[in-house]
Amino acid sequence: MSDKSPDRLPTPEETEQTLAETAKVRAETAKLLAEAEEATAKAGIARDAEAIGRLHRAEVERGVRKELADNVHHRVYLFSGAVAESSVKSCIRQLTEWHRLFPNEPMELVFTSPGGAIIDGLALYDYIQSLRRAGHHITTSTLGMAASMAGILLQAGDTRVMSPESWLLIHEAAFGVGGKIGEVEDTVAWVKKIQERILTIFASRSHMTRSQLKNKWLRKDWWIDSDEALKLGLIDEIR
């Protein structure tokens, strides 16, 4: 017969044992809950890390696509604004970088310019010729207009292009002169020499003679649309 009776109070030892077992169960339950919470937290962290990773990869991919789409990657230089010392230096600096990084690779200069300084422009013209001799195929094109000095620079490329609605402007060389009569005469003589060089550039790249060019630009602005420019041989393509 068992000495345990339903009506018998537990002994201190039994009570202590029961409490110990209860505490053990509670501890194990708390441990399991803690482990479950930790696992849940780790799973959340892993999901967050994966999401962050996806966002980072997407951002990197967007950056790469943007870089690959940039004009610099395709070696296309947009020459906007006046032809001046600063704009010519910036252009030559970029072309020089491409020349050193990408030997013999093609380059394109897109002019949207009202023209400007003849001497600075001719410096860029000569530099473009040196790149052509070094093995680069240079395309010169225009959007909007290539006027005055920019029109001369349009002639510098291996391939010359105008957009359908762009304009080319050709006129006599223009310089501001002042001072003594002798100084003015010297400047005029120098400008005439420069003008002869410009005529040579246009005549060598077109179907026109020097005399025809002189008659066209004498004391006036000669605006030429893309169709006429192609017909006269002043460009190679319209696109």
Protein backbone atom coordinates (compact mmCIF):
# COMPACT_ATOMS: atom_id res chain seq x y z
CA MET A 1 0.00 0.00 0.00
CA SER A 2 1.43 3.38 -1.02
CA ASP A 3 2.22 5.76 1.72
CA LYS A 4 0.94 8.61 -0.49
CA SER A 5 -2.67 9.54 0.12
CA PRO A 6 -4.78 12.03 -1.80
CA ASP A 7 -5.46 13.83 1.42
CA ARG A 8 -1.88 13.79 2.58
CA LEU A 9 0.08 17.00 2.39
CA PRO A 10 3.33 16.76 0.42
CA THR A 11 6.48 16.60 2.42
CA PRO A 12 8.92 19.48 2.26
CA GLU A 13 11.20 17.31 0.12
CA GLU A 14 8.38 16.60 -2.32
CA THR A 15 7.40 20.26 -2.46
CA GLU A 16 11.01 21.26 -3.11
CA GLN A 17 11.27 18.64 -5.82
CA THR A 18 8.03 19.83 -7.45
CA LEU A 19 9.19 23.44 -7.35
CA ALA A 20 12.54 22.43 -8.81
CA GLU A 21 10.87 20.56 -11.64
CA THR A 22 8.53 23.48 -12.28
CA ALA A 23 11.46 25.87 -12.35
CA LYS A 24 13.28 23.57 -14.71
CA VAL A 25 10.28 23.41 -17.04
CA ARG A 26 9.94 27.19 -16.93
CA ALA A 27 13.66 27.60 -17.63
CA GLU A 28 13.51 25.19 -20.55
CA THR A 29 10.39 26.95 -21.84
CA ALA A 30 12.09 30.33 -21.52
CA LYS A 31 15.14 28.95 -23.29
CA LEU A 32 13.02 27.59 -26.13
CA LEU A 33 11.19 30.91 -26.41
CA ALA A 34 14.50 32.79 -26.39
CA GLU A 35 15.91 30.48 -29.06
CA ALA A 36 12.75 30.92 -31.13
CA GLU A 37 12.96 34.71 -30.79
CA GLU A 38 16.65 34.61 -31.69
CA ALA A 39 15.93 32.45 -34.72
CA THR A 40 13.13 34.82 -35.75
CA ALA A 41 15.41 37.80 -35.28
CA LYS A 42 18.18 36.13 -37.28
CA ALA A 43 15.71 35.29 -40.04
CA GLY A 44 14.57 38.92 -40.05
CA ILE A 45 18.15 40.14 -40.18
CA ALA A 46 18.87 37.73 -43.02
CA ARG A 47 15.81 39.00 -44.93
CA ASP A 48 16.82 42.59 -44.30
CA ALA A 49 20.39 41.87 -45.39
CA GLU A 50 19.11 40.18 -48.53
CA ALA A 51 16.83 43.13 -49.30
CA ILE A 52 19.67 45.59 -48.69
CA GLY A 53 21.90 43.46 -50.90
CA ARG A 54 19.33 43.54 -53.69
CA LEU A 55 18.98 47.31 -53.37
CA HIS A 56 22.75 47.76 -53.41
CA ARG A 57 23.17 45.53 -56.45
CA ALA A 58 20.38 47.40 -58.22
CA GLU A 59 22.03 50.72 -57.37
CA VAL A 60 25.40 49.49 -58.62
CA GLU A 61 23.80 48.20 -61.83
CA ARG A 62 22.04 51.55 -62.36
CA GLY A 63 25.34 53.32 -61.85
CA VAL A 64 27.09 51.06 -64.35
CA ARG A 65 24.31 51.50 -66.92
CA LYS A 66 24.40 55.26 -66.41
CA GLU A 67 28.17 55.31 -66.87
CA LEU A 68 27.97 53.16 -69.98
CA ALA A 69 25.31 55.47 -71.42
CA ASP A 70 27.29 58.64 -70.73
CA ASN A 71 28.81 60.57 -73.63
CA VAL A 72 32.24 60.29 -72.01
CA HIS A 73 32.10 56.48 -72.27
CA HIS A 74 31.31 56.80 -75.98
CA ARG A 75 33.93 59.54 -76.46
CA VAL A 76 31.36 62.12 -77.59
CA TYR A 77 32.21 65.70 -76.65
CA LEU A 78 29.42 68.28 -76.63
CA PHE A 79 30.94 71.65 -77.55
CA SER A 80 28.26 74.14 -76.52
CA GLY A 81 28.63 77.89 -76.46
CA ALA A 82 31.27 80.23 -77.79
CA VAL A 83 34.64 79.19 -79.15
CA ALA A 84 37.02 80.79 -76.65
CA GLU A 85 40.28 80.07 -74.88
CA SER A 86 38.59 78.35 -71.93
CA SER A 87 36.20 76.21 -74.00
CA VAL A 88 38.97 75.16 -76.37
CA LYS A 89 41.27 74.22 -73.48
CA SER A 90 38.53 72.11 -71.88
CA CYS A 91 37.89 70.36 -75.18
CA ILE A 92 41.56 69.67 -75.87
CA ARG A 93 42.03 68.38 -72.30
CA GLN A 94 39.22 65.83 -72.74
CA LEU A 95 40.37 64.79 -76.22
CA THR A 96 43.89 64.32 -74.91
CA GLU A 97 42.64 62.04 -72.15
CA TRP A 98 40.71 59.91 -74.63
CA HIS A 99 43.70 59.83 -76.98
CA ARG A 100 45.91 58.42 -74.21
CA LEU A 101 43.35 56.02 -72.76
CA PHE A 102 41.88 54.78 -76.04
CA PRO A 103 44.52 54.86 -78.81
CA ASN A 104 43.08 54.74 -82.34
CA GLU A 105 39.49 54.72 -81.05
CA PRO A 106 36.91 57.01 -82.75
CA MET A 107 35.79 60.30 -81.19
CA GLU A 108 32.99 62.72 -81.97
CA LEU A 109 32.66 66.46 -81.37
CA VAL A 110 29.14 67.88 -81.47
CA PHE A 111 29.04 71.65 -82.00
CA THR A 112 26.18 73.86 -80.91
CA SER A 113 28.02 77.13 -81.14
CA PRO A 114 27.71 80.69 -82.45
CA GLY A 115 31.44 80.74 -83.15
CA GLY A 116 34.00 82.93 -81.48
CA ALA A 117 37.75 83.49 -81.38
CA ILE A 118 39.50 82.54 -84.62
CA ILE A 119 42.96 81.91 -83.17
CA ASP A 120 41.65 79.67 -80.37
CA GLY A 121 39.42 77.88 -82.85
CA LEU A 122 42.27 77.26 -85.28
CA ALA A 123 44.32 75.83 -82.41
CA LEU A 124 41.56 73.27 -81.85
CA TYR A 125 41.34 72.67 -85.60
CA ASP A 126 45.06 71.82 -85.71
CA TYR A 127 44.75 69.58 -82.66
CA ILE A 128 41.93 67.62 -84.30
CA GLN A 129 44.16 67.12 -87.36
CA SER A 130 46.90 65.73 -85.12
CA LEU A 131 44.44 63.24 -83.63
CA ARG A 132 43.43 62.14 -87.12
CA ARG A 133 47.07 61.62 -88.03
CA ALA A 134 47.51 59.62 -84.81
CA GLY A 135 44.89 57.12 -86.00
CA HIS A 136 41.63 58.38 -84.51
CA HIS A 137 38.56 58.65 -86.71
CA ILE A 138 37.06 62.02 -85.81
CA THR A 139 33.43 62.84 -86.48
CA THR A 140 32.45 66.50 -86.28
CA SER A 141 28.75 67.25 -86.17
CA THR A 142 26.33 70.00 -85.29
CA LEU A 143 22.99 70.33 -83.54
CA GLY A 144 21.30 73.71 -83.86
CA MET A 145 24.08 75.62 -85.53
CA ALA A 146 27.77 75.68 -86.28
CA ALA A 147 28.32 79.35 -86.99
CA SER A 148 31.43 81.27 -87.95
CA MET A 149 34.45 79.62 -86.25
CA ALA A 150 32.33 76.62 -85.29
CA GLY A 151 31.55 76.20 -88.99
CA ILE A 152 35.27 76.00 -89.69
CA LEU A 153 35.67 73.43 -86.90
CA LEU A 154 32.89 71.38 -88.45
CA GLN A 155 35.25 70.90 -91.42
CA ALA A 156 37.95 69.40 -89.19
CA GLY A 157 36.61 65.83 -88.94
CA ASP A 158 37.01 62.74 -91.08
CA THR A 159 33.23 62.61 -91.22
CA ARG A 160 31.17 65.82 -91.07
CA VAL A 161 27.53 65.60 -90.03
CA MET A 162 24.60 68.00 -89.67
CA SER A 163 21.23 67.29 -88.11
CA PRO A 164 18.34 67.94 -90.53
CA GLU A 165 17.28 71.25 -88.97
CA SER A 166 20.69 72.64 -88.07
CA TRP A 167 22.45 75.55 -89.78
CA LEU A 168 25.95 76.36 -90.94
CA LEU A 169 27.11 79.99 -91.08
CA ILE A 170 30.06 81.13 -93.16
CA HIS A 171 31.31 84.70 -93.36
CA GLU A 172 34.48 86.73 -93.71
CA ALA A 173 36.90 86.80 -90.81
CA ALA A 174 36.04 89.51 -88.28
CA PHE A 175 38.46 91.27 -85.94
CA GLY A 176 38.20 94.36 -83.83
CA VAL A 177 41.04 96.75 -84.65
CA GLY A 178 42.14 100.07 -83.24
CA GLY A 179 45.18 102.25 -82.79
CA LYS A 180 47.48 103.96 -85.24
CA ILE A 181 46.91 103.68 -88.98
CA GLY A 182 50.00 101.55 -89.40
CA GLU A 183 48.89 99.16 -86.66
CA VAL A 184 45.44 98.89 -88.21
CA GLU A 185 46.96 98.18 -91.61
CA ASP A 186 49.20 95.50 -90.12
CA THR A 187 46.21 93.88 -88.44
CA VAL A 188 44.16 93.99 -91.64
CA ALA A 189 47.01 92.37 -93.57
CA TRP A 190 47.24 89.64 -90.93
CA VAL A 191 43.47 89.05 -91.00
CA LYS A 192 43.59 88.72 -94.77
CA LYS A 193 46.24 86.00 -94.40
CA ILE A 194 44.02 84.20 -91.89
CA GLN A 195 41.08 84.56 -94.25
CA GLU A 196 43.07 82.94 -97.04
CA ARG A 197 43.77 79.98 -94.72
CA ILE A 198 40.07 79.70 -93.94
CA LEU A 199 39.21 79.77 -97.64
CA THR A 200 41.71 76.97 -98.18
CA ILE A 201 40.04 74.87 -95.48
CA PHE A 202 36.56 75.28 -96.97
CA ALA A 203 37.71 74.83 -100.56
CA SER A 204 39.66 71.66 -99.71
CA ARG A 205 36.63 70.10 -97.97
CA SER A 206 33.89 71.13 -100.43
CA HIS A 207 32.89 71.16 -104.08
CA MET A 208 33.45 74.93 -104.25
CA THR A 209 36.40 76.95 -105.46
CA ARG A 210 37.99 79.74 -103.49
CA SER A 211 36.42 82.30 -105.83
CA GLN A 212 32.96 80.84 -105.39
CA LEU A 213 33.36 80.91 -101.63
CA LYS A 214 34.56 84.51 -101.70
CA ASN A 215 31.56 85.58 -103.76
CA LYS A 216 29.18 83.83 -101.39
CA TRP A 217 30.48 85.28 -98.13
CA LEU A 218 31.63 88.72 -99.31
CA ARG A 219 30.32 91.32 -96.85
CA LYS A 220 27.44 89.16 -95.67
CA ASP A 221 26.45 86.24 -93.48
CA TRP A 222 25.87 83.13 -95.56
CA TRP A 223 23.47 80.78 -93.76
CA ILE A 224 23.41 77.25 -95.16
CA ASP A 225 20.89 74.56 -94.29
CA SER A 226 21.81 70.88 -94.08
CA ASP A 227 20.54 70.00 -97.57
CA GLU A 228 22.55 72.77 -99.22
CA ALA A 229 25.61 71.95 -97.14
CA LEU A 230 25.47 68.32 -98.31
CA LYS A 231 25.00 69.40 -101.93
CA LEU A 232 28.00 71.76 -101.71
CA GLY A 233 30.19 69.10 -100.09
CA LEU A 234 30.52 71.04 -96.83
CA ILE A 235 29.29 67.96 -94.92
CA ASP A 236 29.23 64.23 -95.58
CA GLU A 237 25.98 63.17 -93.91
CA ILE A 238 22.65 64.40 -92.59
CA ARG A 239 21.36 62.48 -89.58
